[in-house]
PDB file of N, CA and C in Angstrom:
ATOM      1  N   MET A   1      36.141 -18.969  -2.838  1.00  0.00           N
ATOM      2  CA  MET A   1      36.239 -17.936  -1.823  1.00  0.00           C
ATOM      3  C   MET A   1      34.839 -17.623  -1.289  1.00  0.00           C
ATOM      4  N   PRO A   2      34.662 -17.606   0.034  1.00  0.00           N
ATOM      5  CA  PRO A   2      33.339 -17.297   0.592  1.00  0.00           C
ATOM      6  C   PRO A   2      32.979 -15.823   0.405  1.00  0.00           C
ATOM      7  N   VAL A   3      31.708 -15.577   0.274  1.00  0.00           N
ATOM      8  CA  VAL A   3      31.178 -14.223   0.114  1.00  0.00           C
ATOM      9  C   VAL A   3      30.327 -13.920   1.350  1.00  0.00           C
ATOM     10  N   ILE A   4      30.487 -12.708   1.900  1.00  0.00           N
ATOM     11  CA  ILE A   4      29.692 -12.277   3.048  1.00  0.00           C
ATOM     12  C   ILE A   4      28.875 -11.067   2.623  1.00  0.00           C
ATOM     13  N   ILE A   5      27.566 -11.105   2.898  1.00  0.00           N
ATOM     14  CA  ILE A   5      26.649 -10.030   2.488  1.00  0.00           C
ATOM     15  C   ILE A   5      25.890  -9.526   3.699  1.00  0.00           C
ATOM     16  N   ASP A   6      25.741  -8.220   3.788  1.00  0.00           N
ATOM     17  CA  ASP A   6      24.852  -7.615   4.787  1.00  0.00           C
ATOM     18  C   ASP A   6      23.428  -7.841   4.278  1.00  0.00           C
ATOM     19  N   GLY A   7      22.689  -8.692   4.955  1.00  0.00           N
ATOM     20  CA  GLY A   7      21.347  -9.061   4.504  1.00  0.00           C
ATOM     21  C   GLY A   7      20.379  -7.899   4.429  1.00  0.00           C
ATOM     22  N   ASN A   8      20.520  -6.927   5.343  1.00  0.00           N
ATOM     23  CA  ASN A   8      19.622  -5.780   5.311  1.00  0.00           C
ATOM     24  C   ASN A   8      19.888  -4.899   4.102  1.00  0.00           C
ATOM     25  N   ASN A   9      21.157  -4.755   3.708  1.00  0.00           N
ATOM     26  CA  ASN A   9      21.464  -3.986   2.500  1.00  0.00           C
ATOM     27  C   ASN A   9      20.866  -4.663   1.277  1.00  0.00           C
ATOM     28  N   LEU A  10      20.999  -5.982   1.200  1.00  0.00           N
ATOM     29  CA  LEU A  10      20.422  -6.716   0.075  1.00  0.00           C
ATOM     30  C   LEU A  10      18.906  -6.603   0.086  1.00  0.00           C
ATOM     31  N   LEU A  11      18.307  -6.739   1.251  1.00  0.00           N
ATOM     32  CA  LEU A  11      16.856  -6.658   1.398  1.00  0.00           C
ATOM     33  C   LEU A  11      16.318  -5.343   0.812  1.00  0.00           C
ATOM     34  N   HIS A  12      16.988  -4.241   1.108  1.00  0.00           N
ATOM     35  CA  HIS A  12      16.508  -2.934   0.648  1.00  0.00           C
ATOM     36  C   HIS A  12      16.770  -2.681  -0.840  1.00  0.00           C
ATOM     37  N   SER A  13      17.518  -3.573  -1.488  1.00  0.00           N
ATOM     38  CA  SER A  13      17.744  -3.432  -2.928  1.00  0.00           C
ATOM     39  C   SER A  13      16.713  -4.222  -3.739  1.00  0.00           C
ATOM     40  N   LEU A  14      15.885  -5.009  -3.055  1.00  0.00           N
ATOM     41  CA  LEU A  14      14.878  -5.824  -3.741  1.00  0.00           C
ATOM     42  C   LEU A  14      13.619  -5.010  -4.033  1.00  0.00           C
ATOM     43  N   PRO A  15      12.791  -5.476  -4.969  1.00  0.00           N
ATOM     44  CA  PRO A  15      11.497  -4.826  -5.194  1.00  0.00           C
ATOM     45  C   PRO A  15      10.698  -4.785  -3.885  1.00  0.00           C
ATOM     46  N   SER A  16       9.887  -3.770  -3.713  1.00  0.00           N
ATOM     47  CA  SER A  16       9.203  -3.540  -2.433  1.00  0.00           C
ATOM     48  C   SER A  16       8.417  -4.758  -1.943  1.00  0.00           C
ATOM     49  N   GLN A  17       7.793  -5.509  -2.827  1.00  0.00           N
ATOM     50  CA  GLN A  17       7.005  -6.670  -2.397  1.00  0.00           C
ATOM     51  C   GLN A  17       7.888  -7.823  -1.915  1.00  0.00           C
ATOM     52  N   GLU A  18       9.198  -7.743  -2.151  1.00  0.00           N
ATOM     53  CA  GLU A  18      10.119  -8.795  -1.731  1.00  0.00           C
ATOM     54  C   GLU A  18      11.065  -8.339  -0.620  1.00  0.00           C
ATOM     55  N   GLN A  19      10.804  -7.201  -0.025  1.00  0.00           N
ATOM     56  CA  GLN A  19      11.712  -6.684   0.991  1.00  0.00           C
ATOM     57  C   GLN A  19      11.438  -7.314   2.348  1.00  0.00           C
ATOM     58  N   ASN A  20      11.845  -8.591   2.434  1.00  0.00           N
ATOM     59  CA  ASN A  20      11.718  -9.335   3.684  1.00  0.00           C
ATOM     60  C   ASN A  20      12.846 -10.361   3.748  1.00  0.00           C
ATOM     61  N   ARG A  21      13.118 -10.832   4.945  1.00  0.00           N
ATOM     62  CA  ARG A  21      14.239 -11.758   5.140  1.00  0.00           C
ATOM     63  C   ARG A  21      14.042 -13.071   4.399  1.00  0.00           C
ATOM     64  N   GLU A  22      12.817 -13.525   4.278  1.00  0.00           N
ATOM     65  CA  GLU A  22      12.570 -14.786   3.568  1.00  0.00           C
ATOM     66  C   GLU A  22      12.937 -14.663   2.089  1.00  0.00           C
ATOM     67  N   SER A  23      12.667 -13.519   1.472  1.00  0.00           N
ATOM     68  CA  SER A  23      13.059 -13.319   0.070  1.00  0.00           C
ATOM     69  C   SER A  23      14.577 -13.320  -0.081  1.00  0.00           C
ATOM     70  N   VAL A  24      15.269 -12.680   0.856  1.00  0.00           N
ATOM     71  CA  VAL A  24      16.734 -12.683   0.823  1.00  0.00           C
ATOM     72  C   VAL A  24      17.249 -14.119   0.968  1.00  0.00           C
ATOM     73  N   ARG A  25      16.675 -14.851   1.893  1.00  0.00           N
ATOM     74  CA  ARG A  25      17.066 -16.251   2.113  1.00  0.00           C
ATOM     75  C   ARG A  25      16.846 -17.078   0.850  1.00  0.00           C
ATOM     76  N   ARG A  26      15.676 -16.952   0.239  1.00  0.00           N
ATOM     77  CA  ARG A  26      15.347 -17.711  -0.979  1.00  0.00           C
ATOM     78  C   ARG A  26      16.294 -17.358  -2.127  1.00  0.00           C
ATOM     79  N   ARG A  27      16.524 -16.063  -2.332  1.00  0.00           N
ATOM     80  CA  ARG A  27      17.423 -15.637  -3.412  1.00  0.00           C
ATOM     81  C   ARG A  27      18.857 -16.092  -3.153  1.00  0.00           C
ATOM     82  N   SER A  28      19.255 -16.067  -1.891  1.00  0.00           N
ATOM     83  CA  SER A  28      20.613 -16.504  -1.541  1.00  0.00           C
ATOM     84  C   SER A  28      20.778 -17.998  -1.777  1.00  0.00           C
ATOM     85  N   LEU A  29      19.762 -18.785  -1.434  1.00  0.00           N
ATOM     86  CA  LEU A  29      19.809 -20.225  -1.713  1.00  0.00           C
ATOM     87  C   LEU A  29      19.924 -20.483  -3.207  1.00  0.00           C
ATOM     88  N   ASP A  30      19.180 -19.736  -4.011  1.00  0.00           N
ATOM     89  CA  ASP A  30      19.278 -19.873  -5.466  1.00  0.00           C
ATOM     90  C   ASP A  30      20.689 -19.537  -5.946  1.00  0.00           C
ATOM     91  N   ALA A  31      21.289 -18.495  -5.380  1.00  0.00           N
ATOM     92  CA  ALA A  31      22.630 -18.072  -5.793  1.00  0.00           C
ATOM     93  C   ALA A  31      23.670 -19.150  -5.512  1.00  0.00           C
ATOM     94  N   VAL A  32      23.604 -19.793  -4.346  1.00  0.00           N
ATOM     95  CA  VAL A  32      24.609 -20.824  -4.054  1.00  0.00           C
ATOM     96  C   VAL A  32      24.355 -22.097  -4.854  1.00  0.00           C
ATOM     97  N   ARG A  33      23.103 -22.373  -5.179  1.00  0.00           N
ATOM     98  CA  ARG A  33      22.805 -23.550  -6.006  1.00  0.00           C
ATOM     99  C   ARG A  33      23.365 -23.400  -7.407  1.00  0.00           C
ATOM    100  N   HIS A  34      23.239 -22.207  -7.959  1.00  0.00           N
ATOM    101  CA  HIS A  34      23.618 -21.983  -9.355  1.00  0.00           C
ATOM    102  C   HIS A  34      25.010 -21.390  -9.517  1.00  0.00           C
ATOM    103  N   GLY A  35      25.552 -20.786  -8.458  1.00  0.00           N
ATOM    104  CA  GLY A  35      26.835 -20.105  -8.581  1.00  0.00           C
ATOM    105  C   GLY A  35      28.027 -20.887  -8.074  1.00  0.00           C
ATOM    106  N   GLY A  36      27.783 -21.952  -7.324  1.00  0.00           N
ATOM    107  CA  GLY A  36      28.882 -22.761  -6.840  1.00  0.00           C
ATOM    108  C   GLY A  36      29.738 -22.094  -5.775  1.00  0.00           C
ATOM    109  N   MET A  37      29.245 -21.045  -5.157  1.00  0.00           N
ATOM    110  CA  MET A  37      30.014 -20.332  -4.140  1.00  0.00           C
ATOM    111  C   MET A  37      29.471 -20.624  -2.754  1.00  0.00           C
ATOM    112  N   SER A  38      30.246 -20.263  -1.741  1.00  0.00           N
ATOM    113  CA  SER A  38      29.778 -20.280  -0.363  1.00  0.00           C
ATOM    114  C   SER A  38      29.381 -18.866   0.000  1.00  0.00           C
ATOM    115  N   LEU A  39      28.269 -18.721   0.701  1.00  0.00           N
ATOM    116  CA  LEU A  39      27.724 -17.403   0.998  1.00  0.00           C
ATOM    117  C   LEU A  39      27.279 -17.344   2.445  1.00  0.00           C
ATOM    118  N   THR A  40      27.627 -16.249   3.114  1.00  0.00           N
ATOM    119  CA  THR A  40      27.120 -15.958   4.450  1.00  0.00           C
ATOM    120  C   THR A  40      26.332 -14.667   4.371  1.00  0.00           C
ATOM    121  N   VAL A  41      25.099 -14.695   4.846  1.00  0.00           N
ATOM    122  CA  VAL A  41      24.239 -13.514   4.894  1.00  0.00           C
ATOM    123  C   VAL A  41      24.074 -13.154   6.366  1.00  0.00           C
ATOM    124  N   VAL A  42      24.371 -11.883   6.703  1.00  0.00           N
ATOM    125  CA  VAL A  42      24.294 -11.429   8.086  1.00  0.00           C
ATOM    126  C   VAL A  42      23.198 -10.372   8.188  1.00  0.00           C
ATOM    127  N   PHE A  43      22.220 -10.629   9.063  1.00  0.00           N
ATOM    128  CA  PHE A  43      21.133  -9.681   9.318  1.00  0.00           C
ATOM    129  C   PHE A  43      21.377  -8.953  10.628  1.00  0.00           C
ATOM    130  N   ASP A  44      20.919  -7.707  10.704  1.00  0.00           N
ATOM    131  CA  ASP A  44      20.941  -6.954  11.954  1.00  0.00           C
ATOM    132  C   ASP A  44      19.973  -7.584  12.941  1.00  0.00           C
ATOM    133  N   GLY A  45      20.327  -7.529  14.220  1.00  0.00           N
ATOM    134  CA  GLY A  45      19.421  -7.939  15.275  1.00  0.00           C
ATOM    135  C   GLY A  45      19.454  -9.418  15.588  1.00  0.00           C
ATOM    136  N   PRO A  46      18.542  -9.826  16.474  1.00  0.00           N
ATOM    137  CA  PRO A  46      18.484 -11.226  16.886  1.00  0.00           C
ATOM    138  C   PRO A  46      17.761 -12.078  15.839  1.00  0.00           C
ATOM    139  N   PRO A  47      17.958 -13.395  15.911  1.00  0.00           N
ATOM    140  CA  PRO A  47      17.232 -14.270  14.987  1.00  0.00           C
ATOM    141  C   PRO A  47      15.749 -14.309  15.347  1.00  0.00           C
ATOM    142  N   PRO A  48      14.898 -14.629  14.381  1.00  0.00           N
ATOM    143  CA  PRO A  48      13.483 -14.813  14.692  1.00  0.00           C
ATOM    144  C   PRO A  48      13.313 -15.947  15.705  1.00  0.00           C
ATOM    145  N   ALA A  49      12.263 -15.894  16.470  1.00  0.00           N
ATOM    146  CA  ALA A  49      11.996 -16.927  17.479  1.00  0.00           C
ATOM    147  C   ALA A  49      12.033 -18.310  16.835  1.00  0.00           C
ATOM    148  N   GLY A  50      12.778 -19.195  17.440  1.00  0.00           N
ATOM    149  CA  GLY A  50      12.862 -20.568  16.957  1.00  0.00           C
ATOM    150  C   GLY A  50      13.883 -20.805  15.858  1.00  0.00           C
ATOM    151  N   SER A  51      14.542 -19.745  15.395  1.00  0.00           N
ATOM    152  CA  SER A  51      15.549 -19.902  14.335  1.00  0.00           C
ATOM    153  C   SER A  51      16.931 -20.082  14.948  1.00  0.00           C
ATOM    154  N   PRO A  52      17.721 -21.009  14.405  1.00  0.00           N
ATOM    155  CA  PRO A  52      19.081 -21.187  14.922  1.00  0.00           C
ATOM    156  C   PRO A  52      19.985 -20.043  14.461  1.00  0.00           C
ATOM    157  N   ASP A  53      21.033 -19.790  15.216  1.00  0.00           N
ATOM    158  CA  ASP A  53      22.044 -18.805  14.812  1.00  0.00           C
ATOM    159  C   ASP A  53      23.406 -19.383  15.138  1.00  0.00           C
ATOM    160  N   PRO A  54      24.175 -19.733  14.153  1.00  0.00           N
ATOM    161  CA  PRO A  54      23.915 -19.581  12.726  1.00  0.00           C
ATOM    162  C   PRO A  54      23.026 -20.702  12.185  1.00  0.00           C
ATOM    163  N   GLU A  55      22.430 -20.419  11.036  1.00  0.00           N
ATOM    164  CA  GLU A  55      21.624 -21.411  10.321  1.00  0.00           C
ATOM    165  C   GLU A  55      22.436 -21.869   9.112  1.00  0.00           C
ATOM    166  N   HIS A  56      22.809 -23.127   9.092  1.00  0.00           N
ATOM    167  CA  HIS A  56      23.618 -23.680   7.998  1.00  0.00           C
ATOM    168  C   HIS A  56      22.705 -24.393   7.007  1.00  0.00           C
ATOM    169  N   LEU A  57      22.766 -23.940   5.756  1.00  0.00           N
ATOM    170  CA  LEU A  57      21.949 -24.509   4.683  1.00  0.00           C
ATOM    171  C   LEU A  57      22.869 -24.886   3.522  1.00  0.00           C
ATOM    172  N   GLY A  58      23.683 -25.893   3.724  1.00  0.00           N
ATOM    173  CA  GLY A  58      24.662 -26.263   2.698  1.00  0.00           C
ATOM    174  C   GLY A  58      25.716 -25.181   2.590  1.00  0.00           C
ATOM    175  N   ARG A  59      25.867 -24.610   1.400  1.00  0.00           N
ATOM    176  CA  ARG A  59      26.872 -23.564   1.191  1.00  0.00           C
ATOM    177  C   ARG A  59      26.383 -22.183   1.620  1.00  0.00           C
ATOM    178  N   LEU A  60      25.168 -22.093   2.152  1.00  0.00           N
ATOM    179  CA  LEU A  60      24.621 -20.831   2.655  1.00  0.00           C
ATOM    180  C   LEU A  60      24.557 -20.873   4.175  1.00  0.00           C
ATOM    181  N   THR A  61      25.059 -19.813   4.799  1.00  0.00           N
ATOM    182  CA  THR A  61      24.942 -19.641   6.240  1.00  0.00           C
ATOM    183  C   THR A  61      24.228 -18.325   6.501  1.00  0.00           C
ATOM    184  N   ILE A  62      23.207 -18.365   7.351  1.00  0.00           N
ATOM    185  CA  ILE A  62      22.482 -17.170   7.772  1.00  0.00           C
ATOM    186  C   ILE A  62      22.901 -16.873   9.206  1.00  0.00           C
ATOM    187  N   ARG A  63      23.344 -15.632   9.455  1.00  0.00           N
ATOM    188  CA  ARG A  63      23.757 -15.206  10.794  1.00  0.00           C
ATOM    189  C   ARG A  63      22.947 -13.978  11.191  1.00  0.00           C
ATOM    190  N   TYR A  64      22.913 -13.714  12.499  1.00  0.00           N
ATOM    191  CA  TYR A  64      22.236 -12.543  13.055  1.00  0.00           C
ATOM    192  C   TYR A  64      23.218 -11.836  13.985  1.00  0.00           C
ATOM    193  N   SER A  65      23.187 -10.511  13.976  1.00  0.00           N
ATOM    194  CA  SER A  65      24.196  -9.746  14.698  1.00  0.00           C
ATOM    195  C   SER A  65      23.879  -9.541  16.173  1.00  0.00           C
ATOM    196  N   GLY A  66      22.664  -9.857  16.600  1.00  0.00           N
ATOM    197  CA  GLY A  66      22.311  -9.663  18.008  1.00  0.00           C
ATOM    198  C   GLY A  66      22.283  -8.189  18.362  1.00  0.00           C
ATOM    199  N   ALA A  67      22.984  -7.809  19.438  1.00  0.00           N
ATOM    200  CA  ALA A  67      22.977  -6.424  19.917  1.00  0.00           C
ATOM    201  C   ALA A  67      23.866  -5.494  19.089  1.00  0.00           C
ATOM    202  N   SER A  68      24.792  -6.046  18.334  1.00  0.00           N
ATOM    203  CA  SER A  68      25.641  -5.207  17.490  1.00  0.00           C
ATOM    204  C   SER A  68      25.040  -5.116  16.090  1.00  0.00           C
ATOM    205  N   SER A  69      25.703  -4.369  15.215  1.00  0.00           N
ATOM    206  CA  SER A  69      25.205  -4.255  13.835  1.00  0.00           C
ATOM    207  C   SER A  69      25.763  -5.390  12.991  1.00  0.00           C
ATOM    208  N   ALA A  70      25.095  -5.650  11.882  1.00  0.00           N
ATOM    209  CA  ALA A  70      25.598  -6.643  10.928  1.00  0.00           C
ATOM    210  C   ALA A  70      26.972  -6.225  10.437  1.00  0.00           C
ATOM    211  N   ASP A  71      27.183  -4.928  10.208  1.00  0.00           N
ATOM    212  CA  ASP A  71      28.493  -4.442   9.753  1.00  0.00           C
ATOM    213  C   ASP A  71      29.583  -4.801  10.759  1.00  0.00           C
ATOM    214  N   ASP A  72      29.309  -4.625  12.060  1.00  0.00           N
ATOM    215  CA  ASP A  72      30.295  -4.965  13.088  1.00  0.00           C
ATOM    216  C   ASP A  72      30.617  -6.452  13.080  1.00  0.00           C
ATOM    217  N   LEU A  73      29.585  -7.279  12.959  1.00  0.00           N
ATOM    218  CA  LEU A  73      29.806  -8.722  12.930  1.00  0.00           C
ATOM    219  C   LEU A  73      30.605  -9.114  11.693  1.00  0.00           C
ATOM    220  N   ILE A  74      30.304  -8.514  10.557  1.00  0.00           N
ATOM    221  CA  ILE A  74      31.034  -8.812   9.320  1.00  0.00           C
ATOM    222  C   ILE A  74      32.508  -8.437   9.476  1.00  0.00           C
ATOM    223  N   LEU A  75      32.773  -7.292  10.075  1.00  0.00           N
ATOM    224  CA  LEU A  75      34.159  -6.865  10.258  1.00  0.00           C
ATOM    225  C   LEU A  75      34.928  -7.773  11.214  1.00  0.00           C
ATOM    226  N   ARG A  76      34.232  -8.305  12.223  1.00  0.00           N
ATOM    227  CA  ARG A  76      34.904  -9.231  13.156  1.00  0.00           C
ATOM    228  C   ARG A  76      35.217 -10.526  12.443  1.00  0.00           C
TER     229      ARG A  76
END
């Protein structure tokens, strides 16, 4: 069963020195490697310049909500 996570909520639960999107991405990649699950992480706002949306990394997908909130995109 796929898991969907609000990336900003996860980001704010990390230690202060790791509160960035790259740390969430790295930890999420580790989780799918070791957990055998499919995971989608949704961040608020547009993707960083040059980043694809969605970004497919095997069993991990990174999405960006654009003008709406990550919560709205998750609910859709």
